[in-house]
Amino acid sequence: MTERRLLGVLVEKQKTTPDVYPMSLNALVTGSNQKSNREPVVNLTGDEVEETLQGLQQQALATRVDSGRVEKWRHLLYEAWNVSKEEIAIVAELLLRGPQTEGELRSHVSRLEPVADLDALRALLRPMSERGLVVYLTPEGRRGTMLTHGFHSPDELERLRTRTARESVADEPARPRAAAAVDPDRLAALSARVDELAAGQAELRESLAALQAQVRSLHEASGRTPP
């Protein structure tokens, strides 16, 4: 998971803050542990980040850059994965935030690279799915389709599929039901009944007012003060 977080941070910072890219070890620690735009939130140490960077370098996914007295790092994902700038933004957001719906992903990716709409996103996702860079957790082309990056272990991916299916079932009762067809005759009868009840209430109010007036008259005739 630490490898994925670091690669996501390197891509993100290259696109959002190019003036501080390549990144120092301290900047990578801070970027990995930030609480915004991250799922899950982690608390990596400098030693953990440095050890992970060494492993990424051995895999030709990142490399050290000589930059004065401060050691800096950059990713090699364009070369390693043969991706476009939009595709690498998609992978980075999935690496940083985990599984997302297509709508969420388009919104998040747009902060790194512009993606016009869902159709444009889906056009990018289709070949990425065929290459294994992204994985659909629920069927494609449906509202709320969920997907993740393609760098999970088989066990992780199975757990994600199970969790996503369980959450979908749990959300089912909360979905609004389609309105039932209303019989026009029944609707007219109900409307008439409402009118009758309203008229009856008006008559009761008039009767009550008349009765109260009679009581006041009786009290006045007897010389007593009405209550």
C-alpha atoms as a PDB file:
ATOM      1  CA  MET A   1       0.000   0.000   0.000  1.00  0.00           C
ATOM      2  CA  THR A   2       2.896   2.368   0.748  1.00  0.00           C
ATOM      3  CA  GLU A   3       4.243   1.962  -2.790  1.00  0.00           C
ATOM      4  CA  ARG A   4       0.877   2.894  -4.235  1.00  0.00           C
ATOM      5  CA  ARG A   5       0.549   5.929  -1.984  1.00  0.00           C
ATOM      6  CA  LEU A   6       3.989   7.253  -2.934  1.00  0.00           C
ATOM      7  CA  LEU A   7       3.399   6.809  -6.667  1.00  0.00           C
ATOM      8  CA  GLY A   8       0.059   8.565  -6.377  1.00  0.00           C
ATOM      9  CA  VAL A   9       1.650  11.469  -4.503  1.00  0.00           C
ATOM     10  CA  LEU A  10       4.460  11.817  -7.051  1.00  0.00           C
ATOM     11  CA  VAL A  11       1.984  12.046  -9.925  1.00  0.00           C
ATOM     12  CA  GLU A  12      -0.333  14.392  -8.037  1.00  0.00           C
ATOM     13  CA  LYS A  13       2.396  16.848  -7.050  1.00  0.00           C
ATOM     14  CA  GLN A  14       3.952  16.784 -10.511  1.00  0.00           C
ATOM     15  CA  LYS A  15       0.626  18.027 -11.888  1.00  0.00           C
ATOM     16  CA  THR A  16      -0.587  20.340  -9.116  1.00  0.00           C
ATOM     17  CA  THR A  17       2.678  21.837  -7.776  1.00  0.00           C
ATOM     18  CA  PRO A  18       5.308  21.390 -10.502  1.00  0.00           C
ATOM     19  CA  ASP A  19       7.566  23.980  -8.843  1.00  0.00           C
ATOM     20  CA  VAL A  20       8.318  21.514  -6.010  1.00  0.00           C
ATOM     21  CA  TYR A  21       8.710  18.480  -8.278  1.00  0.00           C
ATOM     22  CA  PRO A  22      10.788  16.264  -8.158  1.00  0.00           C
ATOM     23  CA  MET A  23      10.040  15.801  -4.454  1.00  0.00           C
ATOM     24  CA  SER A  24      12.265  15.593  -1.419  1.00  0.00           C
ATOM     25  CA  LEU A  25      11.893  12.802   1.137  1.00  0.00           C
ATOM     26  CA  ASN A  26      10.272  15.181   3.636  1.00  0.00           C
ATOM     27  CA  ALA A  27       7.820  16.455   1.028  1.00  0.00           C
ATOM     28  CA  LEU A  28       6.869  12.876   0.167  1.00  0.00           C
ATOM     29  CA  VAL A  29       6.253  12.059   3.828  1.00  0.00           C
ATOM     30  CA  THR A  30       4.035  15.140   4.168  1.00  0.00           C
ATOM     31  CA  GLY A  31       2.188  14.427   0.926  1.00  0.00           C
ATOM     32  CA  SER A  32       1.580  10.803   1.874  1.00  0.00           C
ATOM     33  CA  ASN A  33       0.252  11.650   5.333  1.00  0.00           C
ATOM     34  CA  GLN A  34      -1.979  14.594   4.416  1.00  0.00           C
ATOM     35  CA  LYS A  35      -5.599  14.195   5.454  1.00  0.00           C
ATOM     36  CA  SER A  36      -7.279  15.708   2.378  1.00  0.00           C
ATOM     37  CA  ASN A  37      -7.698  13.769  -0.890  1.00  0.00           C
ATOM     38  CA  ARG A  38      -6.492  10.547   0.772  1.00  0.00           C
ATOM     39  CA  GLU A  39      -8.189   7.246   1.572  1.00  0.00           C
ATOM     40  CA  PRO A  40      -7.133   5.765   3.853  1.00  0.00           C
ATOM     41  CA  VAL A  41      -5.292   8.388   5.893  1.00  0.00           C
ATOM     42  CA  VAL A  42      -1.872   7.034   6.900  1.00  0.00           C
ATOM     43  CA  ASN A  43       1.001   8.061   9.144  1.00  0.00           C
ATOM     44  CA  LEU A  44       4.192   6.971   7.388  1.00  0.00           C
ATOM     45  CA  THR A  45       7.631   7.666   8.811  1.00  0.00           C
ATOM     46  CA  GLY A  46      10.639   8.962   6.905  1.00  0.00           C
ATOM     47  CA  ASP A  47      12.340   5.568   7.201  1.00  0.00           C
ATOM     48  CA  GLU A  48       9.288   3.776   5.762  1.00  0.00           C
ATOM     49  CA  VAL A  49       9.090   6.191   2.837  1.00  0.00           C
ATOM     50  CA  GLU A  50      12.814   5.973   2.113  1.00  0.00           C
ATOM     51  CA  GLU A  51      12.789   2.170   2.175  1.00  0.00           C
ATOM     52  CA  THR A  52       9.761   2.094  -0.134  1.00  0.00           C
ATOM     53  CA  LEU A  53      11.426   4.508  -2.573  1.00  0.00           C
ATOM     54  CA  GLN A  54      14.406   2.172  -2.793  1.00  0.00           C
ATOM     55  CA  GLY A  55      12.056  -0.646  -3.772  1.00  0.00           C
ATOM     56  CA  LEU A  56      10.333   1.519  -6.384  1.00  0.00           C
ATOM     57  CA  GLN A  57      13.696   2.391  -7.865  1.00  0.00           C
ATOM     58  CA  GLN A  58      14.569  -1.295  -8.178  1.00  0.00           C
ATOM     59  CA  GLN A  59      11.290  -1.801 -10.074  1.00  0.00           C
ATOM     60  CA  ALA A  60      12.075   1.157 -12.385  1.00  0.00           C
ATOM     61  CA  LEU A  61       8.939   2.960 -11.195  1.00  0.00           C
ATOM     62  CA  ALA A  62      10.766   5.881  -9.541  1.00  0.00           C
ATOM     63  CA  THR A  63      14.260   7.288  -9.547  1.00  0.00           C
ATOM     64  CA  ARG A  64      16.480   9.516  -7.455  1.00  0.00           C
ATOM     65  CA  VAL A  65      17.354  12.947  -8.861  1.00  0.00           C
ATOM     66  CA  ASP A  66      20.516  14.855  -7.988  1.00  0.00           C
ATOM     67  CA  SER A  67      19.439  18.275  -6.775  1.00  0.00           C
ATOM     68  CA  GLY A  68      22.124  20.013  -4.761  1.00  0.00           C
ATOM     69  CA  ARG A  69      22.342  18.833  -1.169  1.00  0.00           C
ATOM     70  CA  VAL A  70      18.720  17.589  -0.990  1.00  0.00           C
ATOM     71  CA  GLU A  71      17.890  14.179  -2.442  1.00  0.00           C
ATOM     72  CA  LYS A  72      14.776  14.268  -4.615  1.00  0.00           C
ATOM     73  CA  TRP A  73      12.604  11.709  -6.362  1.00  0.00           C
ATOM     74  CA  ARG A  74      10.453  11.514  -9.480  1.00  0.00           C
ATOM     75  CA  HIS A  75       8.241   8.765 -10.900  1.00  0.00           C
ATOM     76  CA  LEU A  76       8.866   6.836 -14.127  1.00  0.00           C
ATOM     77  CA  LEU A  77       5.270   5.797 -14.768  1.00  0.00           C
ATOM     78  CA  TYR A  78       4.921   7.334 -18.215  1.00  0.00           C
ATOM     79  CA  GLU A  79       7.714   5.072 -19.378  1.00  0.00           C
ATOM     80  CA  ALA A  80       6.853   2.041 -17.224  1.00  0.00           C
ATOM     81  CA  TRP A  81       3.110   1.942 -17.948  1.00  0.00           C
ATOM     82  CA  ASN A  82       3.010   3.678 -21.344  1.00  0.00           C
ATOM     83  CA  VAL A  83       0.145   5.953 -20.339  1.00  0.00           C
ATOM     84  CA  SER A  84      -1.171   9.342 -21.445  1.00  0.00           C
ATOM     85  CA  LYS A  85      -1.400  12.336 -19.115  1.00  0.00           C
ATOM     86  CA  GLU A  86      -5.152  11.689 -18.631  1.00  0.00           C
ATOM     87  CA  GLU A  87      -4.633   7.980 -17.967  1.00  0.00           C
ATOM     88  CA  ILE A  88      -1.920   8.606 -15.393  1.00  0.00           C
ATOM     89  CA  ALA A  89      -4.204  11.112 -13.640  1.00  0.00           C
ATOM     90  CA  ILE A  90      -6.945   8.470 -13.425  1.00  0.00           C
ATOM     91  CA  VAL A  91      -4.573   5.891 -11.943  1.00  0.00           C
ATOM     92  CA  ALA A  92      -3.144   8.432  -9.493  1.00  0.00           C
ATOM     93  CA  GLU A  93      -6.565   9.393  -8.137  1.00  0.00           C
ATOM     94  CA  LEU A  94      -7.485   5.734  -7.652  1.00  0.00           C
ATOM     95  CA  LEU A  95      -4.145   5.098  -5.931  1.00  0.00           C
ATOM     96  CA  LEU A  96      -4.717   8.041  -3.590  1.00  0.00           C
ATOM     97  CA  ARG A  97      -8.429   7.620  -2.833  1.00  0.00           C
ATOM     98  CA  GLY A  98      -9.265   3.957  -3.452  1.00  0.00           C
ATOM     99  CA  PRO A  99     -12.472   2.682  -5.126  1.00  0.00           C
ATOM    100  CA  GLN A 100     -14.801   5.361  -6.524  1.00  0.00           C
ATOM    101  CA  THR A 101     -17.853   5.744  -8.686  1.00  0.00           C
ATOM    102  CA  GLU A 102     -17.330   7.022 -12.211  1.00  0.00           C
ATOM    103  CA  GLY A 103     -18.879  10.354 -11.222  1.00  0.00           C
ATOM    104  CA  GLU A 104     -16.564  10.776  -8.237  1.00  0.00           C
ATOM    105  CA  LEU A 105     -13.556   9.777 -10.295  1.00  0.00           C
ATOM    106  CA  ARG A 106     -14.299  12.282 -13.061  1.00  0.00           C
ATOM    107  CA  SER A 107     -14.583  15.070 -10.499  1.00  0.00           C
ATOM    108  CA  HIS A 108     -11.327  14.089  -8.793  1.00  0.00           C
ATOM    109  CA  VAL A 109      -9.360  13.538 -11.999  1.00  0.00           C
ATOM    110  CA  SER A 110     -10.407  16.959 -13.299  1.00  0.00           C
ATOM    111  CA  ARG A 111      -8.222  18.642 -10.696  1.00  0.00           C
ATOM    112  CA  LEU A 112      -5.216  17.002 -12.382  1.00  0.00           C
ATOM    113  CA  GLU A 113      -6.327  16.857 -16.023  1.00  0.00           C
ATOM    114  CA  PRO A 114      -9.547  18.136 -17.622  1.00  0.00           C
ATOM    115  CA  VAL A 115     -12.147  15.466 -18.412  1.00  0.00           C
ATOM    116  CA  ALA A 116     -15.198  16.953 -20.113  1.00  0.00           C
ATOM    117  CA  ASP A 117     -17.899  14.535 -18.947  1.00  0.00           C
ATOM    118  CA  LEU A 118     -18.672  10.916 -18.073  1.00  0.00           C
ATOM    119  CA  ASP A 119     -18.626   9.859 -21.704  1.00  0.00           C
ATOM    120  CA  ALA A 120     -15.094  11.232 -22.057  1.00  0.00           C
ATOM    121  CA  LEU A 121     -14.045   9.422 -18.878  1.00  0.00           C
ATOM    122  CA  ARG A 122     -15.555   6.131 -20.043  1.00  0.00           C
ATOM    123  CA  ALA A 123     -13.713   6.435 -23.342  1.00  0.00           C
ATOM    124  CA  LEU A 124     -10.480   6.635 -21.349  1.00  0.00           C
ATOM    125  CA  LEU A 125     -11.418   3.843 -18.947  1.00  0.00           C
ATOM    126  CA  ARG A 126     -12.305   1.273 -21.599  1.00  0.00           C
ATOM    127  CA  PRO A 127      -8.766   0.644 -22.923  1.00  0.00           C
ATOM    128  CA  MET A 128      -7.334   1.036 -19.420  1.00  0.00           C
ATOM    129  CA  SER A 129      -9.610  -1.757 -18.211  1.00  0.00           C
ATOM    130  CA  GLU A 130      -8.477  -3.972 -21.085  1.00  0.00           C
ATOM    131  CA  ARG A 131      -4.864  -3.374 -20.035  1.00  0.00           C
ATOM    132  CA  GLY A 132      -5.583  -4.054 -16.358  1.00  0.00           C
ATOM    133  CA  LEU A 133      -4.791  -0.520 -15.205  1.00  0.00           C
ATOM    134  CA  VAL A 134      -8.306  -0.157 -13.769  1.00  0.00           C
ATOM    135  CA  VAL A 135     -10.785  -2.779 -12.571  1.00  0.00           C
ATOM    136  CA  TYR A 136     -14.575  -2.506 -12.441  1.00  0.00           C
ATOM    137  CA  LEU A 137     -16.056  -3.645  -9.133  1.00  0.00           C
ATOM    138  CA  THR A 138     -19.636  -3.439 -10.410  1.00  0.00           C
ATOM    139  CA  PRO A 139     -21.063  -3.811 -13.947  1.00  0.00           C
ATOM    140  CA  GLU A 140     -20.104  -1.083 -16.418  1.00  0.00           C
ATOM    141  CA  GLY A 141     -22.499   1.443 -17.840  1.00  0.00           C
ATOM    142  CA  ARG A 142     -24.798   1.685 -14.829  1.00  0.00           C
ATOM    143  CA  ARG A 143     -25.500   4.548 -12.487  1.00  0.00           C
ATOM    144  CA  GLY A 144     -22.995   4.442  -9.615  1.00  0.00           C
ATOM    145  CA  THR A 145     -20.591   2.015 -11.326  1.00  0.00           C
ATOM    146  CA  MET A 146     -17.625   1.453  -8.982  1.00  0.00           C
ATOM    147  CA  LEU A 147     -14.031   0.902 -10.033  1.00  0.00           C
ATOM    148  CA  THR A 148     -10.519   0.801  -8.604  1.00  0.00           C
ATOM    149  CA  HIS A 149      -6.937   0.630  -9.826  1.00  0.00           C
ATOM    150  CA  GLY A 150      -5.474  -2.603 -11.144  1.00  0.00           C
ATOM    151  CA  PHE A 151      -2.635  -2.990  -8.650  1.00  0.00           C
ATOM    152  CA  HIS A 152      -4.432  -4.840  -5.870  1.00  0.00           C
ATOM    153  CA  SER A 153      -3.488  -8.378  -4.947  1.00  0.00           C
ATOM    154  CA  PRO A 154      -6.125 -11.008  -5.825  1.00  0.00           C
ATOM    155  CA  ASP A 155      -7.127 -11.252  -2.144  1.00  0.00           C
ATOM    156  CA  GLU A 156      -7.499  -7.475  -1.864  1.00  0.00           C
ATOM    157  CA  LEU A 157      -9.564  -7.335  -5.023  1.00  0.00           C
ATOM    158  CA  GLU A 158     -11.879 -10.087  -3.810  1.00  0.00           C
ATOM    159  CA  ARG A 159     -12.417  -8.276  -0.506  1.00  0.00           C
ATOM    160  CA  LEU A 160     -13.217  -5.057  -2.378  1.00  0.00           C
ATOM    161  CA  ARG A 161     -15.736  -6.828  -4.616  1.00  0.00           C
ATOM    162  CA  THR A 162     -17.421  -8.415  -1.596  1.00  0.00           C
ATOM    163  CA  ARG A 163     -17.551  -5.133   0.323  1.00  0.00           C
ATOM    164  CA  THR A 164     -18.896  -3.229  -2.676  1.00  0.00           C
ATOM    165  CA  ALA A 165     -21.630  -5.814  -3.253  1.00  0.00           C
ATOM    166  CA  ARG A 166     -22.591  -5.740   0.433  1.00  0.00           C
ATOM    167  CA  GLU A 167     -22.765  -1.930   0.487  1.00  0.00           C
ATOM    168  CA  SER A 168     -24.899  -1.917  -2.657  1.00  0.00           C
ATOM    169  CA  VAL A 169     -27.417  -4.260  -1.002  1.00  0.00           C
ATOM    170  CA  ALA A 170     -27.410  -2.176   2.192  1.00  0.00           C
ATOM    171  CA  ASP A 171     -28.168   0.969   0.197  1.00  0.00           C
ATOM    172  CA  GLU A 172     -31.079  -0.616  -1.672  1.00  0.00           C
ATOM    173  CA  PRO A 173     -33.877   0.295   0.832  1.00  0.00           C
ATOM    174  CA  ALA A 174     -32.776   3.914   0.787  1.00  0.00           C
ATOM    175  CA  ARG A 175     -33.397   4.262  -2.924  1.00  0.00           C
ATOM    176  CA  PRO A 176     -36.670   6.035  -3.739  1.00  0.00           C
ATOM    177  CA  ARG A 177     -39.339   3.731  -5.096  1.00  0.00           C
ATOM    178  CA  ALA A 178     -41.082   4.490  -8.338  1.00  0.00           C
ATOM    179  CA  ALA A 179     -44.421   6.205  -7.806  1.00  0.00           C
ATOM    180  CA  ALA A 180     -47.376   3.843  -8.182  1.00  0.00           C
ATOM    181  CA  ALA A 181     -49.917   4.598 -10.893  1.00  0.00           C
ATOM    182  CA  VAL A 182     -52.944   6.460  -9.508  1.00  0.00           C
ATOM    183  CA  ASP A 183     -56.500   5.545 -10.577  1.00  0.00           C
ATOM    184  CA  PRO A 184     -58.157   8.820 -11.750  1.00  0.00           C
ATOM    185  CA  ASP A 185     -61.593   7.748 -10.425  1.00  0.00           C
ATOM    186  CA  ARG A 186     -60.125   6.913  -7.031  1.00  0.00           C
ATOM    187  CA  LEU A 187     -58.272  10.213  -6.971  1.00  0.00           C
ATOM    188  CA  ALA A 188     -61.516  12.090  -7.766  1.00  0.00           C
ATOM    189  CA  ALA A 189     -63.370  10.211  -5.009  1.00  0.00           C
ATOM    190  CA  LEU A 190     -60.652  11.022  -2.491  1.00  0.00           C
ATOM    191  CA  SER A 191     -60.710  14.669  -3.522  1.00  0.00           C
ATOM    192  CA  ALA A 192     -64.501  14.790  -3.072  1.00  0.00           C
ATOM    193  CA  ARG A 193     -64.218  13.178   0.364  1.00  0.00           C
ATOM    194  CA  VAL A 194     -61.652  15.789   1.396  1.00  0.00           C
ATOM    195  CA  ASP A 195     -64.049  18.535   0.289  1.00  0.00           C
ATOM    196  CA  GLU A 196     -66.855  16.933   2.323  1.00  0.00           C
ATOM    197  CA  LEU A 197     -64.701  16.773   5.420  1.00  0.00           C
ATOM    198  CA  ALA A 198     -63.656  20.391   4.991  1.00  0.00           C
ATOM    199  CA  ALA A 199     -67.297  21.448   4.633  1.00  0.00           C
ATOM    200  CA  GLY A 200     -68.247  19.432   7.728  1.00  0.00           C
ATOM    201  CA  GLN A 201     -65.531  21.128   9.735  1.00  0.00           C
ATOM    202  CA  ALA A 202     -66.808  24.523   8.626  1.00  0.00           C
ATOM    203  CA  GLU A 203     -70.352  23.632   9.762  1.00  0.00           C
ATOM    204  CA  LEU A 204     -69.069  22.443  13.135  1.00  0.00           C
ATOM    205  CA  ARG A 205     -67.185  25.692  13.609  1.00  0.00           C
ATOM    206  CA  GLU A 206     -70.356  27.678  12.792  1.00  0.00           C
ATOM    207  CA  SER A 207     -72.453  25.573  15.212  1.00  0.00           C
ATOM    208  CA  LEU A 208     -69.888  26.003  17.953  1.00  0.00           C
ATOM    209  CA  ALA A 209     -69.808  29.766  17.432  1.00  0.00           C
ATOM    210  CA  ALA A 210     -73.633  29.914  17.620  1.00  0.00           C
ATOM    211  CA  LEU A 211     -73.667  27.830  20.801  1.00  0.00           C
ATOM    212  CA  GLN A 212     -71.064  30.079  22.414  1.00  0.00           C
ATOM    213  CA  ALA A 213     -73.181  33.121  21.512  1.00  0.00           C
ATOM    214  CA  GLN A 214     -76.252  31.532  23.141  1.00  0.00           C
ATOM    215  CA  VAL A 215     -74.312  30.805  26.318  1.00  0.00           C
ATOM    216  CA  ARG A 216     -73.106  34.394  26.495  1.00  0.00           C
ATOM    217  CA  SER A 217     -76.698  35.641  26.040  1.00  0.00           C
ATOM    218  CA  LEU A 218     -77.961  33.414  28.855  1.00  0.00           C
ATOM    219  CA  HIS A 219     -75.237  34.614  31.203  1.00  0.00           C
ATOM    220  CA  GLU A 220     -75.961  38.229  30.354  1.00  0.00           C
ATOM    221  CA  ALA A 221     -79.700  37.720  30.974  1.00  0.00           C
ATOM    222  CA  SER A 222     -79.029  36.204  34.376  1.00  0.00           C
ATOM    223  CA  GLY A 223     -76.607  38.976  35.286  1.00  0.00           C
ATOM    224  CA  ARG A 224     -73.656  36.616  35.519  1.00  0.00           C
ATOM    225  CA  THR A 225     -70.369  37.214  33.811  1.00  0.00           C
ATOM    226  CA  PRO A 226     -69.764  34.613  31.114  1.00  0.00           C
ATOM    227  CA  PRO A 227     -66.707  32.418  31.656  1.00  0.00           C
END
